[in-house]
């Protein structure tokens, strides 16, 4: 390798490699913030999924109770037909 190639390699490493780490503290803060936002989003998503499942369960159970109640709807229909 000649002097020219060595100098080009050093410029590549210093120009590209070190620029990424100049603001390392700000990069860490940004990473922590994005990580926190992702965890909060996941928690709220799971919370809303659980709430939706509970609501669906409650609605279905009430609907089944209305369907299985004996007599109220059928007796009123029979009474109206007999009168």
PDB file of N, CA and C in Angstrom:
ATOM      1  N   UNK A   1       0.835  -1.176   0.000  1.00  0.00           N
ATOM      2  CA  UNK A   1       0.000   0.000   0.000  1.00  0.00           C
ATOM      3  C   UNK A   1       0.879   1.238   0.000  1.00  0.00           C
ATOM      4  N   UNK A   2       0.444   2.161  -0.796  1.00  0.00           N
ATOM      5  CA  UNK A   2       1.182   3.408  -0.848  1.00  0.00           C
ATOM      6  C   UNK A   2       0.692   4.386   0.194  1.00  0.00           C
ATOM      7  N   UNK A   3       1.389   5.504   0.304  1.00  0.00           N
ATOM      8  CA  UNK A   3       1.006   6.534   1.272  1.00  0.00           C
ATOM      9  C   UNK A   3      -0.379   7.104   0.960  1.00  0.00           C
ATOM     10  N   UNK A   4      -0.651   7.171  -0.314  1.00  0.00           N
ATOM     11  CA  UNK A   4      -1.941   7.738  -0.728  1.00  0.00           C
ATOM     12  C   UNK A   4      -3.106   6.856  -0.261  1.00  0.00           C
ATOM     13  N   UNK A   5      -2.977   5.553  -0.414  1.00  0.00           N
ATOM     14  CA  UNK A   5      -4.034   4.629   0.005  1.00  0.00           C
ATOM     15  C   UNK A   5      -4.214   4.641   1.515  1.00  0.00           C
ATOM     16  N   UNK A   6      -3.134   4.718   2.255  1.00  0.00           N
ATOM     17  CA  UNK A   6      -3.220   4.777   3.717  1.00  0.00           C
ATOM     18  C   UNK A   6      -3.931   6.057   4.143  1.00  0.00           C
ATOM     19  N   UNK A   7      -3.607   7.159   3.495  1.00  0.00           N
ATOM     20  CA  UNK A   7      -4.239   8.427   3.848  1.00  0.00           C
ATOM     21  C   UNK A   7      -5.738   8.388   3.529  1.00  0.00           C
ATOM     22  N   UNK A   8      -6.115   7.783   2.416  1.00  0.00           N
ATOM     23  CA  UNK A   8      -7.534   7.670   2.065  1.00  0.00           C
ATOM     24  C   UNK A   8      -8.260   6.821   3.098  1.00  0.00           C
ATOM     25  N   UNK A   9      -7.673   5.731   3.524  1.00  0.00           N
ATOM     26  CA  UNK A   9      -8.315   4.879   4.545  1.00  0.00           C
ATOM     27  C   UNK A   9      -8.473   5.632   5.861  1.00  0.00           C
ATOM     28  N   UNK A  10      -7.491   6.379   6.265  1.00  0.00           N
ATOM     29  CA  UNK A  10      -7.599   7.143   7.513  1.00  0.00           C
ATOM     30  C   UNK A  10      -8.708   8.185   7.406  1.00  0.00           C
ATOM     31  N   UNK A  11      -8.819   8.817   6.272  1.00  0.00           N
ATOM     32  CA  UNK A  11      -9.877   9.815   6.091  1.00  0.00           C
ATOM     33  C   UNK A  11     -11.245   9.148   6.133  1.00  0.00           C
ATOM     34  N   UNK A  12     -11.361   7.964   5.555  1.00  0.00           N
ATOM     35  CA  UNK A  12     -12.631   7.248   5.604  1.00  0.00           C
ATOM     36  C   UNK A  12     -13.029   6.932   7.036  1.00  0.00           C
ATOM     37  N   UNK A  13     -12.090   6.420   7.794  1.00  0.00           N
ATOM     38  CA  UNK A  13     -12.398   6.058   9.174  1.00  0.00           C
ATOM     39  C   UNK A  13     -12.709   7.294  10.000  1.00  0.00           C
ATOM     40  N   UNK A  14     -11.923   8.337   9.849  1.00  0.00           N
ATOM     41  CA  UNK A  14     -12.150   9.515  10.674  1.00  0.00           C
ATOM     42  C   UNK A  14     -13.385  10.279  10.207  1.00  0.00           C
ATOM     43  N   UNK A  15     -13.633  10.326   8.919  1.00  0.00           N
ATOM     44  CA  UNK A  15     -14.745  11.121   8.423  1.00  0.00           C
ATOM     45  C   UNK A  15     -16.082  10.442   8.704  1.00  0.00           C
ATOM     46  N   UNK A  16     -16.161   9.166   8.447  1.00  0.00           N
ATOM     47  CA  UNK A  16     -17.445   8.485   8.610  1.00  0.00           C
ATOM     48  C   UNK A  16     -17.601   7.866   9.993  1.00  0.00           C
ATOM     49  N   UNK A  17     -16.582   7.213  10.468  1.00  0.00           N
ATOM     50  CA  UNK A  17     -16.691   6.470  11.717  1.00  0.00           C
ATOM     51  C   UNK A  17     -16.834   7.348  12.938  1.00  0.00           C
ATOM     52  N   UNK A  18     -16.031   8.380  13.020  1.00  0.00           N
ATOM     53  CA  UNK A  18     -16.066   9.200  14.229  1.00  0.00           C
ATOM     54  C   UNK A  18     -17.257  10.154  14.248  1.00  0.00           C
ATOM     55  N   UNK A  19     -17.810  10.492  13.103  1.00  0.00           N
ATOM     56  CA  UNK A  19     -18.967  11.390  13.083  1.00  0.00           C
ATOM     57  C   UNK A  19     -20.169  10.762  13.761  1.00  0.00           C
ATOM     58  N   UNK A  20     -20.259   9.463  13.678  1.00  0.00           N
ATOM     59  CA  UNK A  20     -21.386   8.798  14.313  1.00  0.00           C
ATOM     60  C   UNK A  20     -21.322   8.910  15.832  1.00  0.00           C
ATOM     61  N   UNK A  21     -20.127   8.963  16.388  1.00  0.00           N
ATOM     62  CA  UNK A  21     -19.970   8.918  17.839  1.00  0.00           C
ATOM     63  C   UNK A  21     -19.652  10.274  18.465  1.00  0.00           C
ATOM     64  N   UNK A  22     -19.725  11.334  17.702  1.00  0.00           N
ATOM     65  CA  UNK A  22     -19.446  12.657  18.280  1.00  0.00           C
ATOM     66  C   UNK A  22     -20.523  13.048  19.278  1.00  0.00           C
ATOM     67  N   UNK A  23     -21.756  12.772  18.962  1.00  0.00           N
ATOM     68  CA  UNK A  23     -22.873  13.108  19.846  1.00  0.00           C
ATOM     69  C   UNK A  23     -23.405  11.838  20.505  1.00  0.00           C
ATOM     70  N   UNK A  24     -22.521  11.082  21.101  1.00  0.00           N
ATOM     71  CA  UNK A  24     -22.905   9.783  21.655  1.00  0.00           C
ATOM     72  C   UNK A  24     -23.942   9.925  22.757  1.00  0.00           C
ATOM     73  N   UNK A  25     -23.813  10.940  23.592  1.00  0.00           N
ATOM     74  CA  UNK A  25     -24.790  11.146  24.673  1.00  0.00           C
ATOM     75  C   UNK A  25     -26.175  11.449  24.120  1.00  0.00           C
ATOM     76  N   UNK A  26     -26.241  12.254  23.090  1.00  0.00           N
ATOM     77  CA  UNK A  26     -27.551  12.557  22.509  1.00  0.00           C
ATOM     78  C   UNK A  26     -28.138  11.326  21.824  1.00  0.00           C
ATOM     79  N   UNK A  27     -27.273  10.507  21.226  1.00  0.00           N
ATOM     80  CA  UNK A  27     -27.744   9.267  20.610  1.00  0.00           C
ATOM     81  C   UNK A  27     -28.291   8.324  21.680  1.00  0.00           C
ATOM     82  N   UNK A  28     -27.616   8.226  22.818  1.00  0.00           N
ATOM     83  CA  UNK A  28     -28.109   7.382  23.915  1.00  0.00           C
ATOM     84  C   UNK A  28     -29.438   7.890  24.453  1.00  0.00           C
ATOM     85  N   UNK A  29     -29.570   9.191  24.615  1.00  0.00           N
ATOM     86  CA  UNK A  29     -30.835   9.759  25.090  1.00  0.00           C
ATOM     87  C   UNK A  29     -31.963   9.475  24.113  1.00  0.00           C
ATOM     88  N   UNK A  30     -31.672   9.638  22.826  1.00  0.00           N
ATOM     89  CA  UNK A  30     -32.692   9.385  21.811  1.00  0.00           C
ATOM     90  C   UNK A  30     -33.081   7.906  21.799  1.00  0.00           C
ATOM     91  N   UNK A  31     -32.111   7.036  21.970  1.00  0.00           N
ATOM     92  CA  UNK A  31     -32.396   5.601  22.005  1.00  0.00           C
ATOM     93  C   UNK A  31     -33.254   5.240  23.214  1.00  0.00           C
ATOM     94  N   UNK A  32     -32.904   5.792  24.374  1.00  0.00           N
ATOM     95  CA  UNK A  32     -33.694   5.527  25.579  1.00  0.00           C
ATOM     96  C   UNK A  32     -35.126   6.047  25.427  1.00  0.00           C
ATOM     97  N   UNK A  33     -35.259   7.217  24.830  1.00  0.00           N
ATOM     98  CA  UNK A  33     -36.581   7.798  24.645  1.00  0.00           C
ATOM     99  C   UNK A  33     -37.422   6.955  23.677  1.00  0.00           C
ATOM    100  N   UNK A  34     -36.823   6.527  22.589  1.00  0.00           N
ATOM    101  CA  UNK A  34     -37.577   5.702  21.635  1.00  0.00           C
ATOM    102  C   UNK A  34     -37.912   4.343  22.237  1.00  0.00           C
ATOM    103  N   UNK A  35     -37.012   3.811  23.054  1.00  0.00           N
ATOM    104  CA  UNK A  35     -37.271   2.538  23.728  1.00  0.00           C
ATOM    105  C   UNK A  35     -38.431   2.687  24.713  1.00  0.00           C
ATOM    106  N   UNK A  36     -38.468   3.776  25.444  1.00  0.00           N
ATOM    107  CA  UNK A  36     -39.534   4.038  26.395  1.00  0.00           C
ATOM    108  C   UNK A  36     -40.876   4.192  25.672  1.00  0.00           C
ATOM    109  N   UNK A  37     -40.874   4.904  24.560  1.00  0.00           N
ATOM    110  CA  UNK A  37     -42.105   5.097  23.795  1.00  0.00           C
ATOM    111  C   UNK A  37     -42.617   3.767  23.265  1.00  0.00           C
ATOM    112  N   UNK A  38     -41.708   2.904  22.809  1.00  0.00           N
ATOM    113  CA  UNK A  38     -42.122   1.595  22.307  1.00  0.00           C
ATOM    114  C   UNK A  38     -42.730   0.747  23.417  1.00  0.00           C
ATOM    115  N   UNK A  39     -42.141   0.761  24.612  1.00  0.00           N
ATOM    116  CA  UNK A  39     -42.698  -0.039  25.707  1.00  0.00           C
ATOM    117  C   UNK A  39     -44.049   0.499  26.150  1.00  0.00           C
ATOM    118  N   UNK A  40     -44.195   1.813  26.201  1.00  0.00           N
ATOM    119  CA  UNK A  40     -45.479   2.407  26.579  1.00  0.00           C
ATOM    120  C   UNK A  40     -46.542   2.050  25.545  1.00  0.00           C
ATOM    121  N   UNK A  41     -46.180   2.102  24.274  1.00  0.00           N
ATOM    122  CA  UNK A  41     -47.117   1.745  23.215  1.00  0.00           C
ATOM    123  C   UNK A  41     -47.544   0.294  23.339  1.00  0.00           C
ATOM    124  N   UNK A  42     -46.610  -0.595  23.611  1.00  0.00           N
ATOM    125  CA  UNK A  42     -46.945  -2.010  23.786  1.00  0.00           C
ATOM    126  C   UNK A  42     -47.871  -2.221  24.979  1.00  0.00           C
ATOM    127  N   UNK A  43     -47.587  -1.552  26.082  1.00  0.00           N
ATOM    128  CA  UNK A  43     -48.416  -1.705  27.280  1.00  0.00           C
ATOM    129  C   UNK A  43     -49.843  -1.244  26.998  1.00  0.00           C
ATOM    130  N   UNK A  44     -50.006  -0.066  26.366  1.00  0.00           N
ATOM    131  CA  UNK A  44     -51.346   0.425  26.058  1.00  0.00           C
ATOM    132  C   UNK A  44     -52.058  -0.475  25.056  1.00  0.00           C
ATOM    133  N   UNK A  45     -51.319  -1.012  24.096  1.00  0.00           N
ATOM    134  CA  UNK A  45     -51.930  -1.909  23.127  1.00  0.00           C
ATOM    135  C   UNK A  45     -52.463  -3.153  23.814  1.00  0.00           C
ATOM    136  N   UNK A  46     -51.656  -3.776  24.670  1.00  0.00           N
ATOM    137  CA  UNK A  46     -52.121  -4.953  25.397  1.00  0.00           C
ATOM    138  C   UNK A  46     -53.280  -4.608  26.322  1.00  0.00           C
ATOM    139  N   UNK A  47     -53.232  -3.460  26.955  1.00  0.00           N
ATOM    140  CA  UNK A  47     -54.316  -3.023  27.836  1.00  0.00           C
ATOM    141  C   UNK A  47     -55.620  -2.893  27.060  1.00  0.00           C
ATOM    142  N   UNK A  48     -55.571  -2.248  25.898  1.00  0.00           N
ATOM    143  CA  UNK A  48     -56.786  -2.082  25.106  1.00  0.00           C
ATOM    144  C   UNK A  48     -57.285  -3.407  24.546  1.00  0.00           C
ATOM    145  N   UNK A  49     -56.399  -4.309  24.209  1.00  0.00           N
ATOM    146  CA  UNK A  49     -56.823  -5.632  23.736  1.00  0.00           C
ATOM    147  C   UNK A  49     -57.532  -6.382  24.854  1.00  0.00           C
ATOM    148  N   UNK A  50     -56.997  -6.324  26.062  1.00  0.00           N
ATOM    149  CA  UNK A  50     -57.616  -7.011  27.202  1.00  0.00           C
ATOM    150  C   UNK A  50     -58.986  -6.398  27.508  1.00  0.00           C
ATOM    151  N   UNK A  51     -59.079  -5.077  27.488  1.00  0.00           N
ATOM    152  CA  UNK A  51     -60.362  -4.404  27.731  1.00  0.00           C
ATOM    153  C   UNK A  51     -61.381  -4.797  26.660  1.00  0.00           C
ATOM    154  N   UNK A  52     -60.950  -4.848  25.402  1.00  0.00           N
ATOM    155  CA  UNK A  52     -61.869  -5.230  24.322  1.00  0.00           C
ATOM    156  C   UNK A  52     -62.358  -6.661  24.503  1.00  0.00           C
ATOM    157  N   UNK A  53     -61.472  -7.565  24.888  1.00  0.00           N
ATOM    158  CA  UNK A  53     -61.879  -8.955  25.111  1.00  0.00           C
ATOM    159  C   UNK A  53     -62.863  -9.073  26.266  1.00  0.00           C
ATOM    160  N   UNK A  54     -62.637  -8.319  27.330  1.00  0.00           N
ATOM    161  CA  UNK A  54     -63.553  -8.339  28.474  1.00  0.00           C
ATOM    162  C   UNK A  54     -64.922  -7.802  28.058  1.00  0.00           C
ATOM    163  N   UNK A  55     -64.938  -6.709  27.297  1.00  0.00           N
ATOM    164  CA  UNK A  55     -66.213  -6.148  26.843  1.00  0.00           C
ATOM    165  C   UNK A  55     -66.959  -7.123  25.934  1.00  0.00           C
ATOM    166  N   UNK A  56     -66.249  -7.787  25.059  1.00  0.00           N
ATOM    167  CA  UNK A  56     -66.887  -8.777  24.183  1.00  0.00           C
ATOM    168  C   UNK A  56     -67.468  -9.912  25.014  1.00  0.00           C
ATOM    169  N   UNK A  57     -66.731 -10.359  26.012  1.00  0.00           N
ATOM    170  CA  UNK A  57     -67.216 -11.429  26.884  1.00  0.00           C
ATOM    171  C   UNK A  57     -68.487 -11.008  27.618  1.00  0.00           C
ATOM    172  N   UNK A  58     -68.506  -9.782  28.146  1.00  0.00           N
ATOM    173  CA  UNK A  58     -69.674  -9.287  28.875  1.00  0.00           C
ATOM    174  C   UNK A  58     -70.881  -9.177  27.939  1.00  0.00           C
ATOM    175  N   UNK A  59     -70.688  -8.647  26.754  1.00  0.00           N
ATOM    176  CA  UNK A  59     -71.793  -8.493  25.808  1.00  0.00           C
ATOM    177  C   UNK A  59     -72.350  -9.846  25.407  1.00  0.00           C
ATOM    178  N   UNK A  60     -71.462 -10.801  25.132  1.00  0.00           N
ATOM    179  CA  UNK A  60     -71.923 -12.131  24.735  1.00  0.00           C
ATOM    180  C   UNK A  60     -72.650 -12.821  25.882  1.00  0.00           C
ATOM    181  N   UNK A  61     -72.140 -12.697  27.101  1.00  0.00           N
ATOM    182  CA  UNK A  61     -72.802 -13.348  28.232  1.00  0.00           C
ATOM    183  C   UNK A  61     -74.187 -12.735  28.492  1.00  0.00           C
ATOM    184  N   UNK A  62     -74.333 -11.433  28.371  1.00  0.00           N
ATOM    185  CA  UNK A  62     -75.653 -10.805  28.550  1.00  0.00           C
ATOM    186  C   UNK A  62     -76.604 -11.222  27.441  1.00  0.00           C
ATOM    187  N   UNK A  63     -76.093 -11.303  26.225  1.00  0.00           N
ATOM    188  CA  UNK A  63     -76.924 -11.707  25.108  1.00  0.00           C
ATOM    189  C   UNK A  63     -77.411 -13.151  25.285  1.00  0.00           C
ATOM    190  N   UNK A  64     -76.524 -14.019  25.785  1.00  0.00           N
ATOM    191  CA  UNK A  64     -76.916 -15.406  26.037  1.00  0.00           C
ATOM    192  C   UNK A  64     -77.960 -15.492  27.151  1.00  0.00           C
ATOM    193  N   UNK A  65     -77.823 -14.660  28.183  1.00  0.00           N
ATOM    194  CA  UNK A  65     -78.817 -14.657  29.254  1.00  0.00           C
ATOM    195  C   UNK A  65     -80.181 -14.248  28.725  1.00  0.00           C
ATOM    196  N   UNK A  66     -80.213 -13.266  27.850  1.00  0.00           N
ATOM    197  CA  UNK A  66     -81.489 -12.841  27.280  1.00  0.00           C
ATOM    198  C   UNK A  66     -82.092 -13.927  26.411  1.00  0.00           C
ATOM    199  N   UNK A  67     -81.265 -14.681  25.726  1.00  0.00           N
ATOM    200  CA  UNK A  67     -81.764 -15.751  24.866  1.00  0.00           C
ATOM    201  C   UNK A  67     -82.264 -16.938  25.666  1.00  0.00           C
ATOM    202  N   UNK A  68     -81.675 -17.222  26.819  1.00  0.00           N
ATOM    203  CA  UNK A  68     -82.042 -18.406  27.594  1.00  0.00           C
ATOM    204  C   UNK A  68     -83.070 -18.140  28.677  1.00  0.00           C
ATOM    205  N   UNK A  69     -83.496 -16.888  28.891  1.00  0.00           N
ATOM    206  CA  UNK A  69     -84.521 -16.618  29.905  1.00  0.00           C
ATOM    207  C   UNK A  69     -85.833 -17.261  29.477  1.00  0.00           C
ATOM    208  N   UNK A  70     -86.372 -18.109  30.332  1.00  0.00           N
ATOM    209  CA  UNK A  70     -87.596 -18.809  29.941  1.00  0.00           C
ATOM    210  C   UNK A  70     -88.836 -17.957  30.177  1.00  0.00           C
ATOM    211  N   UNK A  71     -89.719 -17.980  29.228  1.00  0.00           N
ATOM    212  CA  UNK A  71     -91.067 -17.545  29.462  1.00  0.00           C
ATOM    213  C   UNK A  71     -91.453 -16.119  29.238  1.00  0.00           C
ATOM    214  N   UNK A  72     -90.654 -15.136  29.517  1.00  0.00           N
ATOM    215  CA  UNK A  72     -91.148 -13.761  29.476  1.00  0.00           C
ATOM    216  C   UNK A  72     -91.641 -13.391  28.079  1.00  0.00           C
ATOM    217  N   UNK A  73     -90.843 -13.572  27.097  1.00  0.00           N
ATOM    218  CA  UNK A  73     -91.240 -13.182  25.753  1.00  0.00           C
ATOM    219  C   UNK A  73     -92.292 -14.150  25.214  1.00  0.00           C
ATOM    220  N   UNK A  74     -92.093 -15.433  25.422  1.00  0.00           N
ATOM    221  CA  UNK A  74     -93.028 -16.406  24.868  1.00  0.00           C
ATOM    222  C   UNK A  74     -94.392 -16.342  25.558  1.00  0.00           C
ATOM    223  N   UNK A  75     -94.475 -16.080  26.884  1.00  0.00           N
ATOM    224  CA  UNK A  75     -95.763 -16.012  27.572  1.00  0.00           C
ATOM    225  C   UNK A  75     -96.545 -14.783  27.139  1.00  0.00           C
ATOM    226  N   UNK A  76     -95.890 -13.689  26.919  1.00  0.00           N
ATOM    227  CA  UNK A  76     -96.624 -12.505  26.469  1.00  0.00           C
ATOM    228  C   UNK A  76     -97.182 -12.730  25.075  1.00  0.00           C
ATOM    229  N   UNK A  77     -96.471 -13.421  24.247  1.00  0.00           N
ATOM    230  CA  UNK A  77     -96.991 -13.715  22.916  1.00  0.00           C
ATOM    231  C   UNK A  77     -98.188 -14.660  23.000  1.00  0.00           C
ATOM    232  N   UNK A  78     -98.123 -15.635  23.886  1.00  0.00           N
ATOM    233  CA  UNK A  78     -99.224 -16.584  24.036  1.00  0.00           C
ATOM    234  C   UNK A  78    -100.447 -15.876  24.597  1.00  0.00           C
ATOM    235  N   UNK A  79    -100.269 -14.983  25.591  1.00  0.00           N
ATOM    236  CA  UNK A  79    -101.383 -14.263  26.169  1.00  0.00           C
ATOM    237  C   UNK A  79    -102.057 -13.377  25.139  1.00  0.00           C
ATOM    238  N   UNK A  80    -101.306 -12.745  24.305  1.00  0.00           N
ATOM    239  CA  UNK A  80    -101.886 -11.877  23.279  1.00  0.00           C
ATOM    240  C   UNK A  80    -102.649 -12.704  22.259  1.00  0.00           C
ATOM    241  N   UNK A  81    -102.143 -13.874  21.966  1.00  0.00           N
ATOM    242  CA  UNK A  81    -102.832 -14.711  21.002  1.00  0.00           C
ATOM    243  C   UNK A  81    -104.148 -15.268  21.575  1.00  0.00           C
ATOM    244  N   UNK A  82    -104.177 -15.549  22.865  1.00  0.00           N
ATOM    245  CA  UNK A  82    -105.383 -16.105  23.486  1.00  0.00           C
ATOM    246  C   UNK A  82    -106.468 -15.050  23.691  1.00  0.00           C
ATOM    247  N   UNK A  83    -106.119 -13.825  23.807  1.00  0.00           N
ATOM    248  CA  UNK A  83    -107.103 -12.772  24.100  1.00  0.00           C
ATOM    249  C   UNK A  83    -107.883 -12.408  22.917  1.00  0.00           C
TER     250      UNK A  83
END
